[in-house]
N, C-alpha and C. Protein backbone atom coordinates (compact mmCIF):
# COMPACT_ATOMS: atom_id res chain seq x y z
N MET A 1 89.17 113.23 126.42
CA MET A 1 89.08 112.46 125.20
C MET A 1 87.66 112.53 124.66
N ALA A 2 87.55 112.47 123.35
CA ALA A 2 86.25 112.53 122.70
C ALA A 2 86.06 111.26 121.88
N LEU A 3 85.24 110.36 122.37
CA LEU A 3 84.99 109.09 121.69
C LEU A 3 83.84 109.26 120.70
N ILE A 4 84.09 108.83 119.46
CA ILE A 4 83.04 108.86 118.44
C ILE A 4 82.99 107.51 117.74
N GLU A 5 81.83 107.21 117.15
CA GLU A 5 81.66 106.03 116.32
C GLU A 5 80.77 106.43 115.15
N ILE A 6 81.23 106.10 113.96
CA ILE A 6 80.49 106.38 112.74
C ILE A 6 80.31 105.06 112.01
N VAL A 7 79.07 104.76 111.62
CA VAL A 7 78.77 103.50 110.92
C VAL A 7 78.10 103.83 109.60
N ARG A 8 78.57 103.16 108.55
CA ARG A 8 77.96 103.30 107.22
C ARG A 8 77.74 101.92 106.64
N GLU A 9 76.58 101.71 106.01
CA GLU A 9 76.33 100.50 105.24
C GLU A 9 76.33 100.91 103.78
N VAL A 10 77.18 100.23 102.99
CA VAL A 10 77.36 100.59 101.59
C VAL A 10 77.21 99.36 100.70
N ARG A 11 76.96 99.60 99.43
CA ARG A 11 76.76 98.51 98.47
C ARG A 11 78.08 98.05 97.84
N LEU A 12 79.18 98.35 98.47
CA LEU A 12 80.48 97.88 98.01
C LEU A 12 80.81 96.55 98.68
N THR A 13 81.60 95.73 97.99
CA THR A 13 82.06 94.50 98.64
C THR A 13 82.95 94.88 99.83
N PRO A 14 83.07 93.99 100.80
CA PRO A 14 83.98 94.29 101.91
C PRO A 14 85.41 94.58 101.43
N ALA A 15 85.88 93.83 100.45
CA ALA A 15 87.25 94.06 99.94
C ALA A 15 87.39 95.46 99.34
N GLU A 16 86.40 95.91 98.60
CA GLU A 16 86.47 97.25 97.99
C GLU A 16 86.33 98.34 99.05
N SER A 17 85.44 98.13 100.01
CA SER A 17 85.32 99.10 101.11
C SER A 17 86.64 99.22 101.85
N TRP A 18 87.28 98.10 102.12
CA TRP A 18 88.56 98.09 102.83
C TRP A 18 89.63 98.80 102.02
N ARG A 19 89.69 98.49 100.73
CA ARG A 19 90.70 99.11 99.86
C ARG A 19 90.55 100.63 99.88
N ARG A 20 89.33 101.10 99.77
CA ARG A 20 89.10 102.55 99.77
C ARG A 20 89.37 103.18 101.13
N LEU A 21 88.93 102.53 102.18
CA LEU A 21 89.08 103.06 103.54
C LEU A 21 90.55 103.17 103.95
N THR A 22 91.36 102.24 103.49
CA THR A 22 92.77 102.22 103.88
C THR A 22 93.69 102.82 102.80
N ALA A 23 93.14 103.53 101.87
CA ALA A 23 93.95 104.28 100.90
C ALA A 23 94.35 105.58 101.59
N TRP A 24 95.32 105.48 102.49
CA TRP A 24 95.69 106.59 103.38
C TRP A 24 95.96 107.88 102.63
N ASP A 25 96.63 107.78 101.48
CA ASP A 25 96.97 108.98 100.73
C ASP A 25 95.74 109.72 100.22
N GLN A 26 94.60 109.06 100.17
CA GLN A 26 93.36 109.68 99.69
C GLN A 26 92.60 110.42 100.79
N HIS A 27 92.88 110.14 102.04
CA HIS A 27 92.16 110.78 103.14
C HIS A 27 92.27 112.30 103.09
N GLY A 28 93.41 112.82 102.69
CA GLY A 28 93.63 114.26 102.64
C GLY A 28 92.72 114.99 101.67
N ARG A 29 92.17 114.27 100.69
CA ARG A 29 91.24 114.91 99.73
C ARG A 29 89.99 115.44 100.43
N PHE A 30 89.69 114.90 101.60
CA PHE A 30 88.44 115.25 102.27
C PHE A 30 88.64 116.02 103.57
N VAL A 31 89.90 116.35 103.88
CA VAL A 31 90.21 117.11 105.09
C VAL A 31 90.85 118.43 104.65
N PRO A 32 90.20 119.54 104.91
CA PRO A 32 90.73 120.83 104.44
C PRO A 32 92.16 121.07 104.93
N LEU A 33 92.97 121.62 104.02
CA LEU A 33 94.35 122.04 104.32
C LEU A 33 95.23 120.91 104.84
N THR A 34 94.96 119.67 104.42
CA THR A 34 95.70 118.53 104.93
C THR A 34 96.35 117.73 103.81
N ARG A 35 97.63 117.39 104.04
CA ARG A 35 98.39 116.54 103.13
C ARG A 35 98.76 115.26 103.88
N ILE A 36 98.63 114.14 103.22
CA ILE A 36 98.95 112.85 103.82
C ILE A 36 100.24 112.32 103.20
N THR A 37 101.14 111.87 104.06
CA THR A 37 102.36 111.21 103.62
C THR A 37 102.38 109.82 104.24
N VAL A 38 102.43 108.80 103.39
CA VAL A 38 102.48 107.42 103.87
C VAL A 38 103.90 107.15 104.39
N THR A 39 103.98 106.49 105.54
CA THR A 39 105.26 106.14 106.16
C THR A 39 105.37 104.61 106.25
N PRO A 40 106.53 104.08 106.59
CA PRO A 40 106.65 102.62 106.70
C PRO A 40 105.73 101.99 107.75
N THR A 41 105.34 102.76 108.77
CA THR A 41 104.50 102.18 109.84
C THR A 41 103.08 102.75 109.88
N GLY A 42 102.72 103.60 108.94
CA GLY A 42 101.39 104.22 108.94
C GLY A 42 101.37 105.41 108.02
N PHE A 43 101.04 106.59 108.57
CA PHE A 43 101.03 107.80 107.76
C PHE A 43 101.06 109.03 108.66
N ASP A 44 101.37 110.16 108.05
CA ASP A 44 101.40 111.44 108.75
C ASP A 44 100.46 112.39 108.03
N ALA A 45 99.57 113.00 108.77
CA ALA A 45 98.66 114.01 108.22
C ALA A 45 99.17 115.38 108.68
N PHE A 46 99.59 116.20 107.72
CA PHE A 46 100.01 117.56 108.06
C PHE A 46 98.88 118.49 107.71
N THR A 47 98.38 119.23 108.69
CA THR A 47 97.31 120.20 108.47
C THR A 47 97.89 121.58 108.67
N GLY A 48 97.74 122.42 107.65
CA GLY A 48 98.25 123.78 107.74
C GLY A 48 98.51 124.36 106.36
N ILE A 49 99.14 125.52 106.37
CA ILE A 49 99.50 126.22 105.15
C ILE A 49 101.00 126.47 105.19
N GLY A 50 101.68 126.01 104.15
CA GLY A 50 103.13 126.16 104.13
C GLY A 50 103.75 125.39 105.27
N ARG A 51 104.55 126.09 106.07
CA ARG A 51 105.18 125.45 107.23
C ARG A 51 104.41 125.69 108.52
N LEU A 52 103.35 126.48 108.43
CA LEU A 52 102.54 126.78 109.60
C LEU A 52 101.41 125.75 109.72
N GLY A 53 101.49 124.92 110.74
CA GLY A 53 100.49 123.89 110.93
C GLY A 53 100.99 122.86 111.92
N PHE A 54 100.43 121.67 111.88
CA PHE A 54 100.86 120.62 112.80
C PHE A 54 100.79 119.26 112.12
N HIS A 55 101.62 118.35 112.60
CA HIS A 55 101.65 116.98 112.12
C HIS A 55 100.79 116.11 113.02
N ASP A 56 100.10 115.16 112.41
CA ASP A 56 99.30 114.16 113.13
C ASP A 56 99.78 112.78 112.67
N PRO A 57 100.94 112.32 113.20
CA PRO A 57 101.45 111.01 112.78
C PRO A 57 100.64 109.88 113.39
N MET A 58 100.36 108.87 112.57
CA MET A 58 99.58 107.72 113.03
C MET A 58 100.32 106.44 112.69
N GLU A 59 100.36 105.56 113.66
CA GLU A 59 101.05 104.28 113.49
C GLU A 59 100.01 103.16 113.49
N ILE A 60 100.14 102.27 112.51
CA ILE A 60 99.27 101.09 112.48
C ILE A 60 99.81 100.10 113.51
N VAL A 61 99.01 99.79 114.52
CA VAL A 61 99.46 98.88 115.56
C VAL A 61 98.77 97.51 115.49
N ARG A 62 97.72 97.42 114.69
CA ARG A 62 97.06 96.13 114.45
C ARG A 62 96.44 96.17 113.06
N TRP A 63 96.59 95.07 112.34
CA TRP A 63 96.07 94.97 110.98
C TRP A 63 95.55 93.57 110.74
N ASP A 64 94.24 93.42 110.60
CA ASP A 64 93.63 92.15 110.23
C ASP A 64 93.12 92.34 108.80
N ASP A 65 93.77 91.69 107.87
CA ASP A 65 93.51 91.92 106.44
C ASP A 65 92.04 92.06 106.10
N GLU A 66 91.72 93.14 105.45
CA GLU A 66 90.39 93.46 104.91
C GLU A 66 89.26 93.44 105.93
N SER A 67 89.61 93.61 107.23
CA SER A 67 88.51 93.62 108.20
C SER A 67 88.71 94.59 109.37
N PHE A 68 89.95 94.80 109.85
CA PHE A 68 90.14 95.62 111.03
C PHE A 68 91.55 96.21 111.06
N CYS A 69 91.63 97.44 111.52
CA CYS A 69 92.93 98.06 111.75
C CYS A 69 92.80 99.06 112.89
N ARG A 70 93.87 99.14 113.66
CA ARG A 70 93.93 100.11 114.76
C ARG A 70 95.13 101.01 114.55
N LEU A 71 94.88 102.31 114.66
CA LEU A 71 95.91 103.33 114.52
C LEU A 71 96.09 104.03 115.85
N GLU A 72 97.32 104.30 116.21
CA GLU A 72 97.63 105.09 117.40
C GLU A 72 98.14 106.45 116.94
N LYS A 73 97.56 107.50 117.46
CA LYS A 73 97.99 108.86 117.12
C LYS A 73 99.21 109.20 117.97
N ARG A 74 100.31 109.58 117.32
CA ARG A 74 101.58 109.78 118.01
C ARG A 74 102.05 111.24 117.97
N GLY A 75 101.14 112.17 117.74
CA GLY A 75 101.52 113.56 117.57
C GLY A 75 101.66 114.36 118.84
N ARG A 76 102.22 115.55 118.68
CA ARG A 76 102.35 116.49 119.80
C ARG A 76 101.05 117.23 120.07
N VAL A 77 100.22 117.37 119.03
CA VAL A 77 98.98 118.14 119.15
C VAL A 77 97.77 117.23 119.35
N VAL A 78 97.66 116.21 118.51
CA VAL A 78 96.51 115.31 118.54
C VAL A 78 96.96 113.95 119.06
N THR A 79 96.23 113.42 120.05
CA THR A 79 96.53 112.11 120.59
C THR A 79 95.27 111.26 120.55
N GLY A 80 95.44 109.97 120.80
CA GLY A 80 94.30 109.06 120.83
C GLY A 80 94.52 107.88 119.92
N TRP A 81 93.42 107.32 119.42
CA TRP A 81 93.49 106.16 118.54
C TRP A 81 92.28 106.15 117.61
N ALA A 82 92.38 105.32 116.57
CA ALA A 82 91.27 105.11 115.65
C ALA A 82 91.22 103.62 115.31
N GLU A 83 90.01 103.10 115.15
CA GLU A 83 89.82 101.72 114.71
C GLU A 83 88.87 101.73 113.52
N LEU A 84 89.28 101.05 112.47
CA LEU A 84 88.49 100.93 111.25
C LEU A 84 88.12 99.47 111.08
N GLN A 85 86.84 99.22 110.84
CA GLN A 85 86.37 97.84 110.72
C GLN A 85 85.42 97.74 109.54
N VAL A 86 85.55 96.64 108.78
CA VAL A 86 84.65 96.36 107.66
C VAL A 86 84.09 94.95 107.86
N GLU A 87 82.75 94.85 107.78
CA GLU A 87 82.08 93.58 107.95
C GLU A 87 81.16 93.33 106.76
N PRO A 88 81.06 92.07 106.31
CA PRO A 88 80.12 91.78 105.22
C PRO A 88 78.68 91.80 105.72
N ILE A 89 77.80 92.32 104.91
CA ILE A 89 76.35 92.26 105.15
C ILE A 89 75.71 91.85 103.83
N PRO A 90 74.46 91.38 103.83
CA PRO A 90 73.84 90.91 102.59
C PRO A 90 73.87 91.93 101.44
N SER A 91 73.75 93.22 101.75
CA SER A 91 73.70 94.23 100.69
C SER A 91 75.08 94.79 100.32
N GLY A 92 76.15 94.34 100.99
CA GLY A 92 77.48 94.86 100.70
C GLY A 92 78.38 94.78 101.91
N SER A 93 78.59 95.94 102.55
CA SER A 93 79.46 95.93 103.74
C SER A 93 79.06 97.03 104.72
N ARG A 94 79.39 96.76 105.98
CA ARG A 94 79.20 97.74 107.04
C ARG A 94 80.59 98.22 107.45
N VAL A 95 80.76 99.54 107.42
CA VAL A 95 82.02 100.17 107.80
C VAL A 95 81.81 100.88 109.12
N THR A 96 82.70 100.61 110.07
CA THR A 96 82.65 101.26 111.38
C THR A 96 83.98 101.95 111.63
N TRP A 97 83.90 103.23 111.97
CA TRP A 97 85.08 104.04 112.30
C TRP A 97 84.90 104.50 113.74
N ARG A 98 85.75 104.03 114.63
CA ARG A 98 85.74 104.45 116.04
C ARG A 98 87.00 105.28 116.27
N GLU A 99 86.85 106.34 116.99
CA GLU A 99 88.01 107.19 117.26
C GLU A 99 87.88 107.82 118.63
N ASP A 100 88.99 107.83 119.33
CA ASP A 100 89.09 108.54 120.61
C ASP A 100 90.17 109.58 120.39
N ILE A 101 89.79 110.83 120.41
CA ILE A 101 90.69 111.91 120.01
C ILE A 101 90.76 112.98 121.09
N HIS A 102 91.96 113.51 121.27
CA HIS A 102 92.15 114.61 122.21
C HIS A 102 93.15 115.59 121.61
N VAL A 103 92.84 116.85 121.74
CA VAL A 103 93.74 117.91 121.30
C VAL A 103 94.44 118.43 122.55
N ARG A 104 95.76 118.24 122.59
CA ARG A 104 96.53 118.66 123.78
C ARG A 104 96.32 120.14 124.07
N GLY A 105 96.21 120.43 125.35
CA GLY A 105 96.05 121.81 125.77
C GLY A 105 94.61 122.28 125.83
N THR A 106 93.68 121.43 125.38
CA THR A 106 92.27 121.82 125.48
C THR A 106 91.68 121.21 126.75
N PRO A 107 90.85 121.93 127.44
CA PRO A 107 90.24 121.39 128.67
C PRO A 107 89.18 120.34 128.34
N ARG A 108 88.91 119.49 129.29
CA ARG A 108 87.88 118.45 129.10
C ARG A 108 86.53 119.08 128.75
N LEU A 109 86.34 120.30 129.19
CA LEU A 109 85.11 121.03 128.88
C LEU A 109 84.90 121.15 127.37
N ALA A 110 85.98 121.12 126.60
CA ALA A 110 85.91 121.26 125.14
C ALA A 110 85.67 119.93 124.43
N ASP A 111 85.58 118.83 125.19
CA ASP A 111 85.41 117.51 124.56
C ASP A 111 84.16 117.44 123.68
N GLY A 112 83.09 118.10 124.06
CA GLY A 112 81.87 118.10 123.24
C GLY A 112 82.11 118.73 121.88
N LEU A 113 82.83 119.83 121.85
CA LEU A 113 83.16 120.49 120.58
C LEU A 113 84.10 119.61 119.76
N THR A 114 85.09 119.01 120.41
CA THR A 114 86.01 118.11 119.72
C THR A 114 85.24 116.94 119.13
N ARG A 115 84.32 116.36 119.90
CA ARG A 115 83.51 115.23 119.45
C ARG A 115 82.67 115.63 118.24
N ALA A 116 81.98 116.75 118.30
CA ALA A 116 81.10 117.18 117.21
C ALA A 116 81.90 117.48 115.94
N SER A 117 83.00 118.20 116.08
CA SER A 117 83.79 118.55 114.89
C SER A 117 84.46 117.31 114.30
N SER A 118 84.91 116.40 115.15
CA SER A 118 85.53 115.16 114.67
C SER A 118 84.51 114.30 113.94
N ARG A 119 83.31 114.18 114.50
CA ARG A 119 82.27 113.39 113.85
C ARG A 119 81.96 113.96 112.46
N ALA A 120 81.86 115.27 112.34
CA ALA A 120 81.58 115.89 111.04
C ALA A 120 82.74 115.66 110.06
N LEU A 121 83.96 115.85 110.53
CA LEU A 121 85.12 115.69 109.67
C LEU A 121 85.29 114.25 109.20
N PHE A 122 85.24 113.29 110.12
CA PHE A 122 85.47 111.90 109.75
C PHE A 122 84.30 111.34 108.95
N SER A 123 83.09 111.84 109.16
CA SER A 123 81.96 111.46 108.31
C SER A 123 82.22 111.88 106.87
N ARG A 124 82.76 113.08 106.72
CA ARG A 124 83.11 113.58 105.39
C ARG A 124 84.16 112.69 104.73
N VAL A 125 85.18 112.27 105.50
CA VAL A 125 86.23 111.40 104.97
C VAL A 125 85.64 110.06 104.54
N ILE A 126 84.88 109.43 105.42
CA ILE A 126 84.29 108.11 105.13
C ILE A 126 83.38 108.20 103.91
N ASP A 127 82.48 109.17 103.92
CA ASP A 127 81.53 109.29 102.80
C ASP A 127 82.26 109.56 101.48
N GLY A 128 83.31 110.37 101.53
CA GLY A 128 84.08 110.65 100.32
C GLY A 128 84.82 109.42 99.81
N LEU A 129 85.44 108.70 100.71
CA LEU A 129 86.20 107.51 100.31
C LEU A 129 85.29 106.41 99.77
N LEU A 130 84.10 106.28 100.32
CA LEU A 130 83.21 105.18 99.93
C LEU A 130 82.25 105.53 98.81
N ALA A 131 82.29 106.78 98.35
CA ALA A 131 81.37 107.21 97.28
C ALA A 131 81.71 106.57 95.95
């Protein structure tokens, strides 16, 4: 597993940061070759071209309005969890994205690469959503 934490302080209100962060259908705008489909219990991220690719279904297992949510990754390829948190600060809000991610079939030796690529990808998502 590759545990990452990304923190951003932004000049948005906590409510606006939360609204943007949890606009699941918008996440795909910042992840190459990925389409997001919202489901009744969360969302599914399909990464690929045409029918060639993989699904990354995520289920919301905890939701504290405008402050915290936990997602469980339920896919065949990608497993783990993500936690999104928004806290008020004097200048706006602090957004924290924690994720523990594993790509099935990869050795633990590859966790450093998974961690680095995940940090870069999710930083892009957060920065894009909060811009």
